[in-house]
PDB file of N, CA and C in Angstrom:
ATOM      1  N   MET A   1      78.197 -12.752  32.259  1.00  0.00           N
ATOM      2  CA  MET A   1      77.206 -13.258  33.186  1.00  0.00           C
ATOM      3  C   MET A   1      77.506 -14.732  33.464  1.00  0.00           C
ATOM      4  N   LYS A   2      77.459 -15.114  34.698  1.00  0.00           N
ATOM      5  CA  LYS A   2      77.649 -16.511  35.069  1.00  0.00           C
ATOM      6  C   LYS A   2      76.352 -17.270  34.839  1.00  0.00           C
ATOM      7  N   ILE A   3      76.460 -18.571  34.732  1.00  0.00           N
ATOM      8  CA  ILE A   3      75.290 -19.404  34.485  1.00  0.00           C
ATOM      9  C   ILE A   3      74.255 -19.227  35.593  1.00  0.00           C
ATOM     10  N   ALA A   4      74.703 -19.221  36.844  1.00  0.00           N
ATOM     11  CA  ALA A   4      73.770 -19.061  37.969  1.00  0.00           C
ATOM     12  C   ALA A   4      73.037 -17.723  37.893  1.00  0.00           C
ATOM     13  N   GLU A   5      73.722 -16.684  37.451  1.00  0.00           N
ATOM     14  CA  GLU A   5      73.080 -15.374  37.303  1.00  0.00           C
ATOM     15  C   GLU A   5      72.017 -15.407  36.216  1.00  0.00           C
ATOM     16  N   ALA A   6      72.325 -16.080  35.114  1.00  0.00           N
ATOM     17  CA  ALA A   6      71.362 -16.190  34.016  1.00  0.00           C
ATOM     18  C   ALA A   6      70.147 -17.012  34.452  1.00  0.00           C
ATOM     19  N   GLN A   7      70.379 -18.084  35.182  1.00  0.00           N
ATOM     20  CA  GLN A   7      69.264 -18.901  35.666  1.00  0.00           C
ATOM     21  C   GLN A   7      68.383 -18.087  36.601  1.00  0.00           C
ATOM     22  N   LYS A   8      68.990 -17.295  37.474  1.00  0.00           N
ATOM     23  CA  LYS A   8      68.225 -16.445  38.394  1.00  0.00           C
ATOM     24  C   LYS A   8      67.448 -15.383  37.626  1.00  0.00           C
ATOM     25  N   LEU A   9      68.049 -14.800  36.609  1.00  0.00           N
ATOM     26  CA  LEU A   9      67.375 -13.793  35.801  1.00  0.00           C
ATOM     27  C   LEU A   9      66.082 -14.360  35.200  1.00  0.00           C
ATOM     28  N   ILE A  10      66.167 -15.559  34.647  1.00  0.00           N
ATOM     29  CA  ILE A  10      64.993 -16.203  34.049  1.00  0.00           C
ATOM     30  C   ILE A  10      63.967 -16.542  35.130  1.00  0.00           C
ATOM     31  N   ALA A  11      64.428 -17.052  36.273  1.00  0.00           N
ATOM     32  CA  ALA A  11      63.507 -17.397  37.360  1.00  0.00           C
ATOM     33  C   ALA A  11      62.805 -16.159  37.901  1.00  0.00           C
ATOM     34  N   ASP A  12      63.535 -15.067  38.038  1.00  0.00           N
ATOM     35  CA  ASP A  12      62.934 -13.834  38.543  1.00  0.00           C
ATOM     36  C   ASP A  12      61.887 -13.294  37.575  1.00  0.00           C
ATOM     37  N   CYS A  13      62.154 -13.415  36.296  1.00  0.00           N
ATOM     38  CA  CYS A  13      61.257 -12.856  35.282  1.00  0.00           C
ATOM     39  C   CYS A  13      60.051 -13.765  35.002  1.00  0.00           C
ATOM     40  N   TYR A  14      60.288 -15.065  34.925  1.00  0.00           N
ATOM     41  CA  TYR A  14      59.248 -15.989  34.470  1.00  0.00           C
ATOM     42  C   TYR A  14      58.853 -17.056  35.485  1.00  0.00           C
ATOM     43  N   GLY A  15      59.449 -17.026  36.677  1.00  0.00           N
ATOM     44  CA  GLY A  15      59.241 -18.098  37.651  1.00  0.00           C
ATOM     45  C   GLY A  15      57.791 -18.364  38.010  1.00  0.00           C
ATOM     46  N   GLU A  16      57.007 -17.307  38.213  1.00  0.00           N
ATOM     47  CA  GLU A  16      55.605 -17.503  38.585  1.00  0.00           C
ATOM     48  C   GLU A  16      54.836 -18.201  37.466  1.00  0.00           C
ATOM     49  N   LYS A  17      55.046 -17.744  36.229  1.00  0.00           N
ATOM     50  CA  LYS A  17      54.378 -18.390  35.088  1.00  0.00           C
ATOM     51  C   LYS A  17      54.819 -19.846  34.971  1.00  0.00           C
ATOM     52  N   ASP A  18      56.132 -20.089  35.172  1.00  0.00           N
ATOM     53  CA  ASP A  18      56.646 -21.457  35.076  1.00  0.00           C
ATOM     54  C   ASP A  18      56.022 -22.351  36.142  1.00  0.00           C
ATOM     55  N   ARG A  19      55.924 -21.865  37.373  1.00  0.00           N
ATOM     56  CA  ARG A  19      55.308 -22.656  38.450  1.00  0.00           C
ATOM     57  C   ARG A  19      53.842 -22.947  38.137  1.00  0.00           C
ATOM     58  N   ASN A  20      53.135 -21.962  37.611  1.00  0.00           N
ATOM     59  CA  ASN A  20      51.728 -22.174  37.250  1.00  0.00           C
ATOM     60  C   ASN A  20      51.576 -23.181  36.125  1.00  0.00           C
ATOM     61  N   ARG A  21      52.523 -23.168  35.190  1.00  0.00           N
ATOM     62  CA  ARG A  21      52.483 -24.074  34.041  1.00  0.00           C
ATOM     63  C   ARG A  21      52.908 -25.481  34.456  1.00  0.00           C
ATOM     64  N   GLY A  22      53.826 -25.567  35.403  1.00  0.00           N
ATOM     65  CA  GLY A  22      54.335 -26.854  35.879  1.00  0.00           C
ATOM     66  C   GLY A  22      55.466 -27.388  35.015  1.00  0.00           C
ATOM     67  N   VAL A  23      56.066 -28.458  35.505  1.00  0.00           N
ATOM     68  CA  VAL A  23      57.205 -29.064  34.809  1.00  0.00           C
ATOM     69  C   VAL A  23      56.790 -29.600  33.448  1.00  0.00           C
ATOM     70  N   ASP A  24      55.678 -30.308  33.372  1.00  0.00           N
ATOM     71  CA  ASP A  24      55.261 -30.916  32.093  1.00  0.00           C
ATOM     72  C   ASP A  24      55.012 -29.861  31.020  1.00  0.00           C
ATOM     73  N   GLY A  25      54.265 -28.818  31.369  1.00  0.00           N
ATOM     74  CA  GLY A  25      53.987 -27.758  30.397  1.00  0.00           C
ATOM     75  C   GLY A  25      55.234 -27.008  29.993  1.00  0.00           C
ATOM     76  N   THR A  26      56.099 -26.743  30.957  1.00  0.00           N
ATOM     77  CA  THR A  26      57.348 -26.034  30.664  1.00  0.00           C
ATOM     78  C   THR A  26      58.254 -26.891  29.791  1.00  0.00           C
ATOM     79  N   PHE A  27      58.260 -28.192  30.058  1.00  0.00           N
ATOM     80  CA  PHE A  27      59.056 -29.103  29.228  1.00  0.00           C
ATOM     81  C   PHE A  27      58.584 -29.080  27.784  1.00  0.00           C
ATOM     82  N   MET A  28      57.290 -29.002  27.574  1.00  0.00           N
ATOM     83  CA  MET A  28      56.773 -28.960  26.200  1.00  0.00           C
ATOM     84  C   MET A  28      57.252 -27.707  25.468  1.00  0.00           C
ATOM     85  N   TYR A  29      57.292 -26.574  26.159  1.00  0.00           N
ATOM     86  CA  TYR A  29      57.837 -25.356  25.542  1.00  0.00           C
ATOM     87  C   TYR A  29      59.317 -25.527  25.227  1.00  0.00           C
ATOM     88  N   PHE A  30      60.046 -26.166  26.124  1.00  0.00           N
ATOM     89  CA  PHE A  30      61.464 -26.421  25.898  1.00  0.00           C
ATOM     90  C   PHE A  30      61.655 -27.263  24.632  1.00  0.00           C
ATOM     91  N   VAL A  31      60.897 -28.333  24.515  1.00  0.00           N
ATOM     92  CA  VAL A  31      61.005 -29.218  23.344  1.00  0.00           C
ATOM     93  C   VAL A  31      60.662 -28.461  22.063  1.00  0.00           C
ATOM     94  N   GLU A  32      59.644 -27.619  22.127  1.00  0.00           N
ATOM     95  CA  GLU A  32      59.271 -26.811  20.966  1.00  0.00           C
ATOM     96  C   GLU A  32      60.440 -25.916  20.542  1.00  0.00           C
ATOM     97  N   GLU A  33      61.102 -25.315  21.509  1.00  0.00           N
ATOM     98  CA  GLU A  33      62.243 -24.442  21.192  1.00  0.00           C
ATOM     99  C   GLU A  33      63.416 -25.233  20.625  1.00  0.00           C
ATOM    100  N   VAL A  34      63.620 -26.454  21.099  1.00  0.00           N
ATOM    101  CA  VAL A  34      64.678 -27.303  20.530  1.00  0.00           C
ATOM    102  C   VAL A  34      64.356 -27.587  19.064  1.00  0.00           C
ATOM    103  N   GLY A  35      63.095 -27.831  18.765  1.00  0.00           N
ATOM    104  CA  GLY A  35      62.682 -28.039  17.371  1.00  0.00           C
ATOM    105  C   GLY A  35      62.924 -26.803  16.516  1.00  0.00           C
ATOM    106  N   GLU A  36      62.618 -25.627  17.068  1.00  0.00           N
ATOM    107  CA  GLU A  36      62.874 -24.385  16.330  1.00  0.00           C
ATOM    108  C   GLU A  36      64.369 -24.179  16.106  1.00  0.00           C
ATOM    109  N   LEU A  37      65.187 -24.564  17.082  1.00  0.00           N
ATOM    110  CA  LEU A  37      66.636 -24.480  16.907  1.00  0.00           C
ATOM    111  C   LEU A  37      67.089 -25.417  15.795  1.00  0.00           C
ATOM    112  N   ALA A  38      66.552 -26.627  15.779  1.00  0.00           N
ATOM    113  CA  ALA A  38      66.916 -27.592  14.730  1.00  0.00           C
ATOM    114  C   ALA A  38      66.603 -27.025  13.350  1.00  0.00           C
ATOM    115  N   THR A  39      65.438 -26.429  13.205  1.00  0.00           N
ATOM    116  CA  THR A  39      65.059 -25.821  11.927  1.00  0.00           C
ATOM    117  C   THR A  39      66.001 -24.676  11.570  1.00  0.00           C
ATOM    118  N   SER A  40      66.299 -23.828  12.543  1.00  0.00           N
ATOM    119  CA  SER A  40      67.147 -22.672  12.250  1.00  0.00           C
ATOM    120  C   SER A  40      68.566 -23.090  11.882  1.00  0.00           C
ATOM    121  N   LEU A  41      69.054 -24.176  12.443  1.00  0.00           N
ATOM    122  CA  LEU A  41      70.398 -24.652  12.102  1.00  0.00           C
ATOM    123  C   LEU A  41      70.478 -25.090  10.643  1.00  0.00           C
ATOM    124  N   ARG A  42      69.366 -25.583  10.120  1.00  0.00           N
ATOM    125  CA  ARG A  42      69.331 -26.036   8.730  1.00  0.00           C
ATOM    126  C   ARG A  42      69.007 -24.928   7.750  1.00  0.00           C
ATOM    127  N   GLU A  43      68.185 -23.958   8.176  1.00  0.00           N
ATOM    128  CA  GLU A  43      67.590 -23.049   7.204  1.00  0.00           C
ATOM    129  C   GLU A  43      67.837 -21.569   7.432  1.00  0.00           C
ATOM    130  N   GLU A  44      68.287 -21.178   8.602  1.00  0.00           N
ATOM    131  CA  GLU A  44      68.293 -19.762   8.955  1.00  0.00           C
ATOM    132  C   GLU A  44      69.700 -19.181   9.051  1.00  0.00           C
ATOM    133  N   SER A  45      69.731 -17.872   9.223  1.00  0.00           N
ATOM    134  CA  SER A  45      70.977 -17.147   9.400  1.00  0.00           C
ATOM    135  C   SER A  45      71.550 -17.399  10.791  1.00  0.00           C
ATOM    136  N   ASP A  46      72.807 -17.027  10.959  1.00  0.00           N
ATOM    137  CA  ASP A  46      73.445 -17.151  12.272  1.00  0.00           C
ATOM    138  C   ASP A  46      72.708 -16.318  13.311  1.00  0.00           C
ATOM    139  N   GLU A  47      72.169 -15.172  12.907  1.00  0.00           N
ATOM    140  CA  GLU A  47      71.430 -14.319  13.841  1.00  0.00           C
ATOM    141  C   GLU A  47      70.191 -15.034  14.365  1.00  0.00           C
ATOM    142  N   GLU A  48      69.455 -15.690  13.487  1.00  0.00           N
ATOM    143  CA  GLU A  48      68.272 -16.438  13.898  1.00  0.00           C
ATOM    144  C   GLU A  48      68.670 -17.617  14.785  1.00  0.00           C
ATOM    145  N   CYS A  49      69.741 -18.305  14.434  1.00  0.00           N
ATOM    146  CA  CYS A  49      70.224 -19.410  15.264  1.00  0.00           C
ATOM    147  C   CYS A  49      70.584 -18.908  16.655  1.00  0.00           C
ATOM    148  N   SER A  50      71.206 -17.755  16.723  1.00  0.00           N
ATOM    149  CA  SER A  50      71.590 -17.173  18.008  1.00  0.00           C
ATOM    150  C   SER A  50      70.372 -16.983  18.894  1.00  0.00           C
ATOM    151  N   SER A  51      69.308 -16.476  18.329  1.00  0.00           N
ATOM    152  CA  SER A  51      68.078 -16.258  19.072  1.00  0.00           C
ATOM    153  C   SER A  51      67.486 -17.577  19.561  1.00  0.00           C
ATOM    154  N   GLU A  52      67.521 -18.594  18.725  1.00  0.00           N
ATOM    155  CA  GLU A  52      66.967 -19.903  19.105  1.00  0.00           C
ATOM    156  C   GLU A  52      67.821 -20.567  20.179  1.00  0.00           C
ATOM    157  N   PHE A  53      69.148 -20.431  20.108  1.00  0.00           N
ATOM    158  CA  PHE A  53      70.005 -20.948  21.178  1.00  0.00           C
ATOM    159  C   PHE A  53      69.628 -20.302  22.505  1.00  0.00           C
ATOM    160  N   ALA A  54      69.413 -18.998  22.487  1.00  0.00           N
ATOM    161  CA  ALA A  54      69.037 -18.280  23.710  1.00  0.00           C
ATOM    162  C   ALA A  54      67.704 -18.786  24.249  1.00  0.00           C
ATOM    163  N   ASP A  55      66.740 -19.028  23.359  1.00  0.00           N
ATOM    164  CA  ASP A  55      65.437 -19.544  23.792  1.00  0.00           C
ATOM    165  C   ASP A  55      65.575 -20.915  24.463  1.00  0.00           C
ATOM    166  N   VAL A  56      66.370 -21.791  23.851  1.00  0.00           N
ATOM    167  CA  VAL A  56      66.561 -23.137  24.411  1.00  0.00           C
ATOM    168  C   VAL A  56      67.173 -23.048  25.810  1.00  0.00           C
ATOM    169  N   ILE A  57      68.183 -22.215  25.958  1.00  0.00           N
ATOM    170  CA  ILE A  57      68.820 -22.073  27.270  1.00  0.00           C
ATOM    171  C   ILE A  57      67.840 -21.509  28.295  1.00  0.00           C
ATOM    172  N   ALA A  58      67.057 -20.511  27.906  1.00  0.00           N
ATOM    173  CA  ALA A  58      66.098 -19.915  28.833  1.00  0.00           C
ATOM    174  C   ALA A  58      65.095 -20.955  29.334  1.00  0.00           C
ATOM    175  N   TRP A  59      64.558 -21.757  28.442  1.00  0.00           N
ATOM    176  CA  TRP A  59      63.594 -22.776  28.857  1.00  0.00           C
ATOM    177  C   TRP A  59      64.267 -23.873  29.676  1.00  0.00           C
ATOM    178  N   LEU A  60      65.508 -24.200  29.368  1.00  0.00           N
ATOM    179  CA  LEU A  60      66.249 -25.173  30.172  1.00  0.00           C
ATOM    180  C   LEU A  60      66.448 -24.644  31.589  1.00  0.00           C
ATOM    181  N   PHE A  61      66.804 -23.360  31.705  1.00  0.00           N
ATOM    182  CA  PHE A  61      66.934 -22.740  33.021  1.00  0.00           C
ATOM    183  C   PHE A  61      65.611 -22.788  33.780  1.00  0.00           C
ATOM    184  N   SER A  62      64.507 -22.531  33.089  1.00  0.00           N
ATOM    185  CA  SER A  62      63.193 -22.587  33.730  1.00  0.00           C
ATOM    186  C   SER A  62      62.922 -23.976  34.298  1.00  0.00           C
ATOM    187  N   LEU A  63      63.189 -24.994  33.506  1.00  0.00           N
ATOM    188  CA  LEU A  63      62.975 -26.365  33.969  1.00  0.00           C
ATOM    189  C   LEU A  63      63.838 -26.686  35.184  1.00  0.00           C
ATOM    190  N   ALA A  64      65.108 -26.312  35.122  1.00  0.00           N
ATOM    191  CA  ALA A  64      66.008 -26.590  36.237  1.00  0.00           C
ATOM    192  C   ALA A  64      65.521 -25.894  37.503  1.00  0.00           C
ATOM    193  N   SER A  65      65.103 -24.653  37.372  1.00  0.00           N
ATOM    194  CA  SER A  65      64.609 -23.918  38.536  1.00  0.00           C
ATOM    195  C   SER A  65      63.371 -24.589  39.122  1.00  0.00           C
ATOM    196  N   LEU A  66      62.471 -25.041  38.264  1.00  0.00           N
ATOM    197  CA  LEU A  66      61.282 -25.738  38.758  1.00  0.00           C
ATOM    198  C   LEU A  66      61.646 -26.994  39.540  1.00  0.00           C
ATOM    199  N   LYS A  67      62.717 -27.655  39.145  1.00  0.00           N
ATOM    200  CA  LYS A  67      63.170 -28.865  39.819  1.00  0.00           C
ATOM    201  C   LYS A  67      64.134 -28.577  40.971  1.00  0.00           C
ATOM    202  N   GLY A  68      64.446 -27.292  41.204  1.00  0.00           N
ATOM    203  CA  GLY A  68      65.345 -26.928  42.294  1.00  0.00           C
ATOM    204  C   GLY A  68      66.795 -27.265  42.017  1.00  0.00           C
ATOM    205  N   ILE A  69      67.168 -27.275  40.748  1.00  0.00           N
ATOM    206  CA  ILE A  69      68.531 -27.640  40.348  1.00  0.00           C
ATOM    207  C   ILE A  69      69.304 -26.405  39.935  1.00  0.00           C
ATOM    208  N   ASP A  70      70.486 -26.238  40.505  1.00  0.00           N
ATOM    209  CA  ASP A  70      71.417 -25.178  40.124  1.00  0.00           C
ATOM    210  C   ASP A  70      72.233 -25.706  38.951  1.00  0.00           C
ATOM    211  N   ILE A  71      71.922 -25.224  37.749  1.00  0.00           N
ATOM    212  CA  ILE A  71      72.573 -25.756  36.547  1.00  0.00           C
ATOM    213  C   ILE A  71      74.086 -25.542  36.580  1.00  0.00           C
ATOM    214  N   GLU A  72      74.529 -24.401  37.061  1.00  0.00           N
ATOM    215  CA  GLU A  72      75.971 -24.136  37.097  1.00  0.00           C
ATOM    216  C   GLU A  72      76.687 -25.200  37.929  1.00  0.00           C
ATOM    217  N   GLU A  73      76.156 -25.516  39.100  1.00  0.00           N
ATOM    218  CA  GLU A  73      76.773 -26.528  39.962  1.00  0.00           C
ATOM    219  C   GLU A  73      76.681 -27.915  39.333  1.00  0.00           C
ATOM    220  N   ALA A  74      75.526 -28.246  38.761  1.00  0.00           N
ATOM    221  CA  ALA A  74      75.352 -29.549  38.126  1.00  0.00           C
ATOM    222  C   ALA A  74      76.328 -29.720  36.963  1.00  0.00           C
ATOM    223  N   PHE A  75      76.503 -28.644  36.176  1.00  0.00           N
ATOM    224  CA  PHE A  75      77.404 -28.702  35.020  1.00  0.00           C
ATOM    225  C   PHE A  75      78.847 -28.888  35.475  1.00  0.00           C
ATOM    226  N   LYS A  76      79.266 -28.109  36.469  1.00  0.00           N
ATOM    227  CA  LYS A  76      80.647 -28.229  36.980  1.00  0.00           C
ATOM    228  C   LYS A  76      80.898 -29.628  37.518  1.00  0.00           C
ATOM    229  N   LYS A  77      79.948 -30.156  38.273  1.00  0.00           N
ATOM    230  CA  LYS A  77      80.099 -31.487  38.855  1.00  0.00           C
ATOM    231  C   LYS A  77      80.239 -32.559  37.779  1.00  0.00           C
ATOM    232  N   LYS A  78      79.450 -32.439  36.741  1.00  0.00           N
ATOM    233  CA  LYS A  78      79.449 -33.481  35.704  1.00  0.00           C
ATOM    234  C   LYS A  78      80.568 -33.317  34.673  1.00  0.00           C
ATOM    235  N   TYR A  79      80.944 -32.069  34.339  1.00  0.00           N
ATOM    236  CA  TYR A  79      81.831 -31.863  33.198  1.00  0.00           C
ATOM    237  C   TYR A  79      83.187 -31.235  33.507  1.00  0.00           C
ATOM    238  N   SER A  80      83.562 -31.132  34.765  1.00  0.00           N
ATOM    239  CA  SER A  80      84.886 -30.588  35.068  1.00  0.00           C
ATOM    240  C   SER A  80      85.991 -31.486  34.531  1.00  0.00           C
ATOM    241  N   LEU A  81      85.733 -32.784  34.540  1.00  0.00           N
ATOM    242  CA  LEU A  81      86.683 -33.764  34.013  1.00  0.00           C
ATOM    243  C   LEU A  81      85.942 -34.703  33.074  1.00  0.00           C
ATOM    244  N   CYS A  82      86.673 -35.291  32.130  1.00  0.00           N
ATOM    245  CA  CYS A  82      86.088 -36.267  31.211  1.00  0.00           C
ATOM    246  C   CYS A  82      85.578 -37.462  32.013  1.00  0.00           C
ATOM    247  N   GLY A  83      84.363 -37.912  31.708  1.00  0.00           N
ATOM    248  CA  GLY A  83      83.791 -39.063  32.390  1.00  0.00           C
ATOM    249  C   GLY A  83      84.479 -40.368  32.049  1.00  0.00           C
ATOM    250  N   GLY A  84      85.214 -40.404  30.938  1.00  0.00           N
ATOM    251  CA  GLY A  84      85.898 -41.630  30.530  1.00  0.00           C
ATOM    252  C   GLY A  84      87.289 -41.762  31.101  1.00  0.00           C
ATOM    253  N   CYS A  85      88.122 -40.720  30.882  1.00  0.00           N
ATOM    254  CA  CYS A  85      89.529 -40.809  31.295  1.00  0.00           C
ATOM    255  C   CYS A  85      89.824 -40.027  32.568  1.00  0.00           C
ATOM    256  N   GLY A  86      88.891 -39.186  32.995  1.00  0.00           N
ATOM    257  CA  GLY A  86      89.096 -38.405  34.215  1.00  0.00           C
ATOM    258  C   GLY A  86      90.046 -37.245  34.050  1.00  0.00           C
ATOM    259  N   SER A  87      90.354 -36.863  32.804  1.00  0.00           N
ATOM    260  CA  SER A  87      91.287 -35.772  32.529  1.00  0.00           C
ATOM    261  C   SER A  87      90.572 -34.578  31.916  1.00  0.00           C
ATOM    262  N   SER A  88      91.247 -33.446  31.977  1.00  0.00           N
ATOM    263  CA  SER A  88      90.802 -32.257  31.267  1.00  0.00           C
ATOM    264  C   SER A  88      92.038 -31.542  30.738  1.00  0.00           C
ATOM    265  N   PRO A  89      92.204 -31.479  29.427  1.00  0.00           N
ATOM    266  CA  PRO A  89      91.274 -31.957  28.392  1.00  0.00           C
ATOM    267  C   PRO A  89      91.258 -33.475  28.297  1.00  0.00           C
ATOM    268  N   CYS A  90      90.223 -33.981  27.657  1.00  0.00           N
ATOM    269  CA  CYS A  90      90.040 -35.402  27.469  1.00  0.00           C
ATOM    270  C   CYS A  90      91.228 -36.022  26.745  1.00  0.00           C
ATOM    271  N   THR A  91      91.675 -37.171  27.245  1.00  0.00           N
ATOM    272  CA  THR A  91      92.768 -37.894  26.593  1.00  0.00           C
ATOM    273  C   THR A  91      92.321 -39.307  26.192  1.00  0.00           C
ATOM    274  N   CYS A  92      91.001 -39.534  26.142  1.00  0.00           N
ATOM    275  CA  CYS A  92      90.491 -40.840  25.752  1.00  0.00           C
ATOM    276  C   CYS A  92      91.007 -41.220  24.371  1.00  0.00           C
ATOM    277  N   LYS A  93      91.261 -42.467  24.197  1.00  0.00           N
ATOM    278  CA  LYS A  93      91.759 -42.977  22.917  1.00  0.00           C
ATOM    279  C   LYS A  93      90.628 -43.461  22.030  1.00  0.00           C
ATOM    280  N   THR A  94      89.370 -43.304  22.454  1.00  0.00           N
ATOM    281  CA  THR A  94      88.231 -43.780  21.682  1.00  0.00           C
ATOM    282  C   THR A  94      87.807 -42.755  20.647  1.00  0.00           C
ATOM    283  N   LYS A  95      86.981 -43.184  19.712  1.00  0.00           N
ATOM    284  CA  LYS A  95      86.459 -42.299  18.681  1.00  0.00           C
ATOM    285  C   LYS A  95      85.573 -41.249  19.319  1.00  0.00           C
ATOM    286  N   PRO A  96      85.466 -40.062  18.676  1.00  0.00           N
ATOM    287  CA  PRO A  96      84.586 -39.008  19.208  1.00  0.00           C
ATOM    288  C   PRO A  96      83.137 -39.392  19.255  1.00  0.00           C
TER     289      PRO A  96
END
């Protein structure tokens, strides 16, 4: 599945609820899921982490859709090349 397809899937399923909740409310759910991911990375199995990663992405897609942003296009535009050296893969001589 491409990123744009996944974003559309989430928008089709949850878009009305997201619009009713608004950006601020949806952002709070996103932050909550990031916290759950942080906990699972420290304490849970890989299976639980997998579920939390999926939740974080779903809420991120919801936020982007509410703002009218195509995440796939935004990601390609920003990360096709390294922002420092302009290469892919990165050839920067700086520390990670």
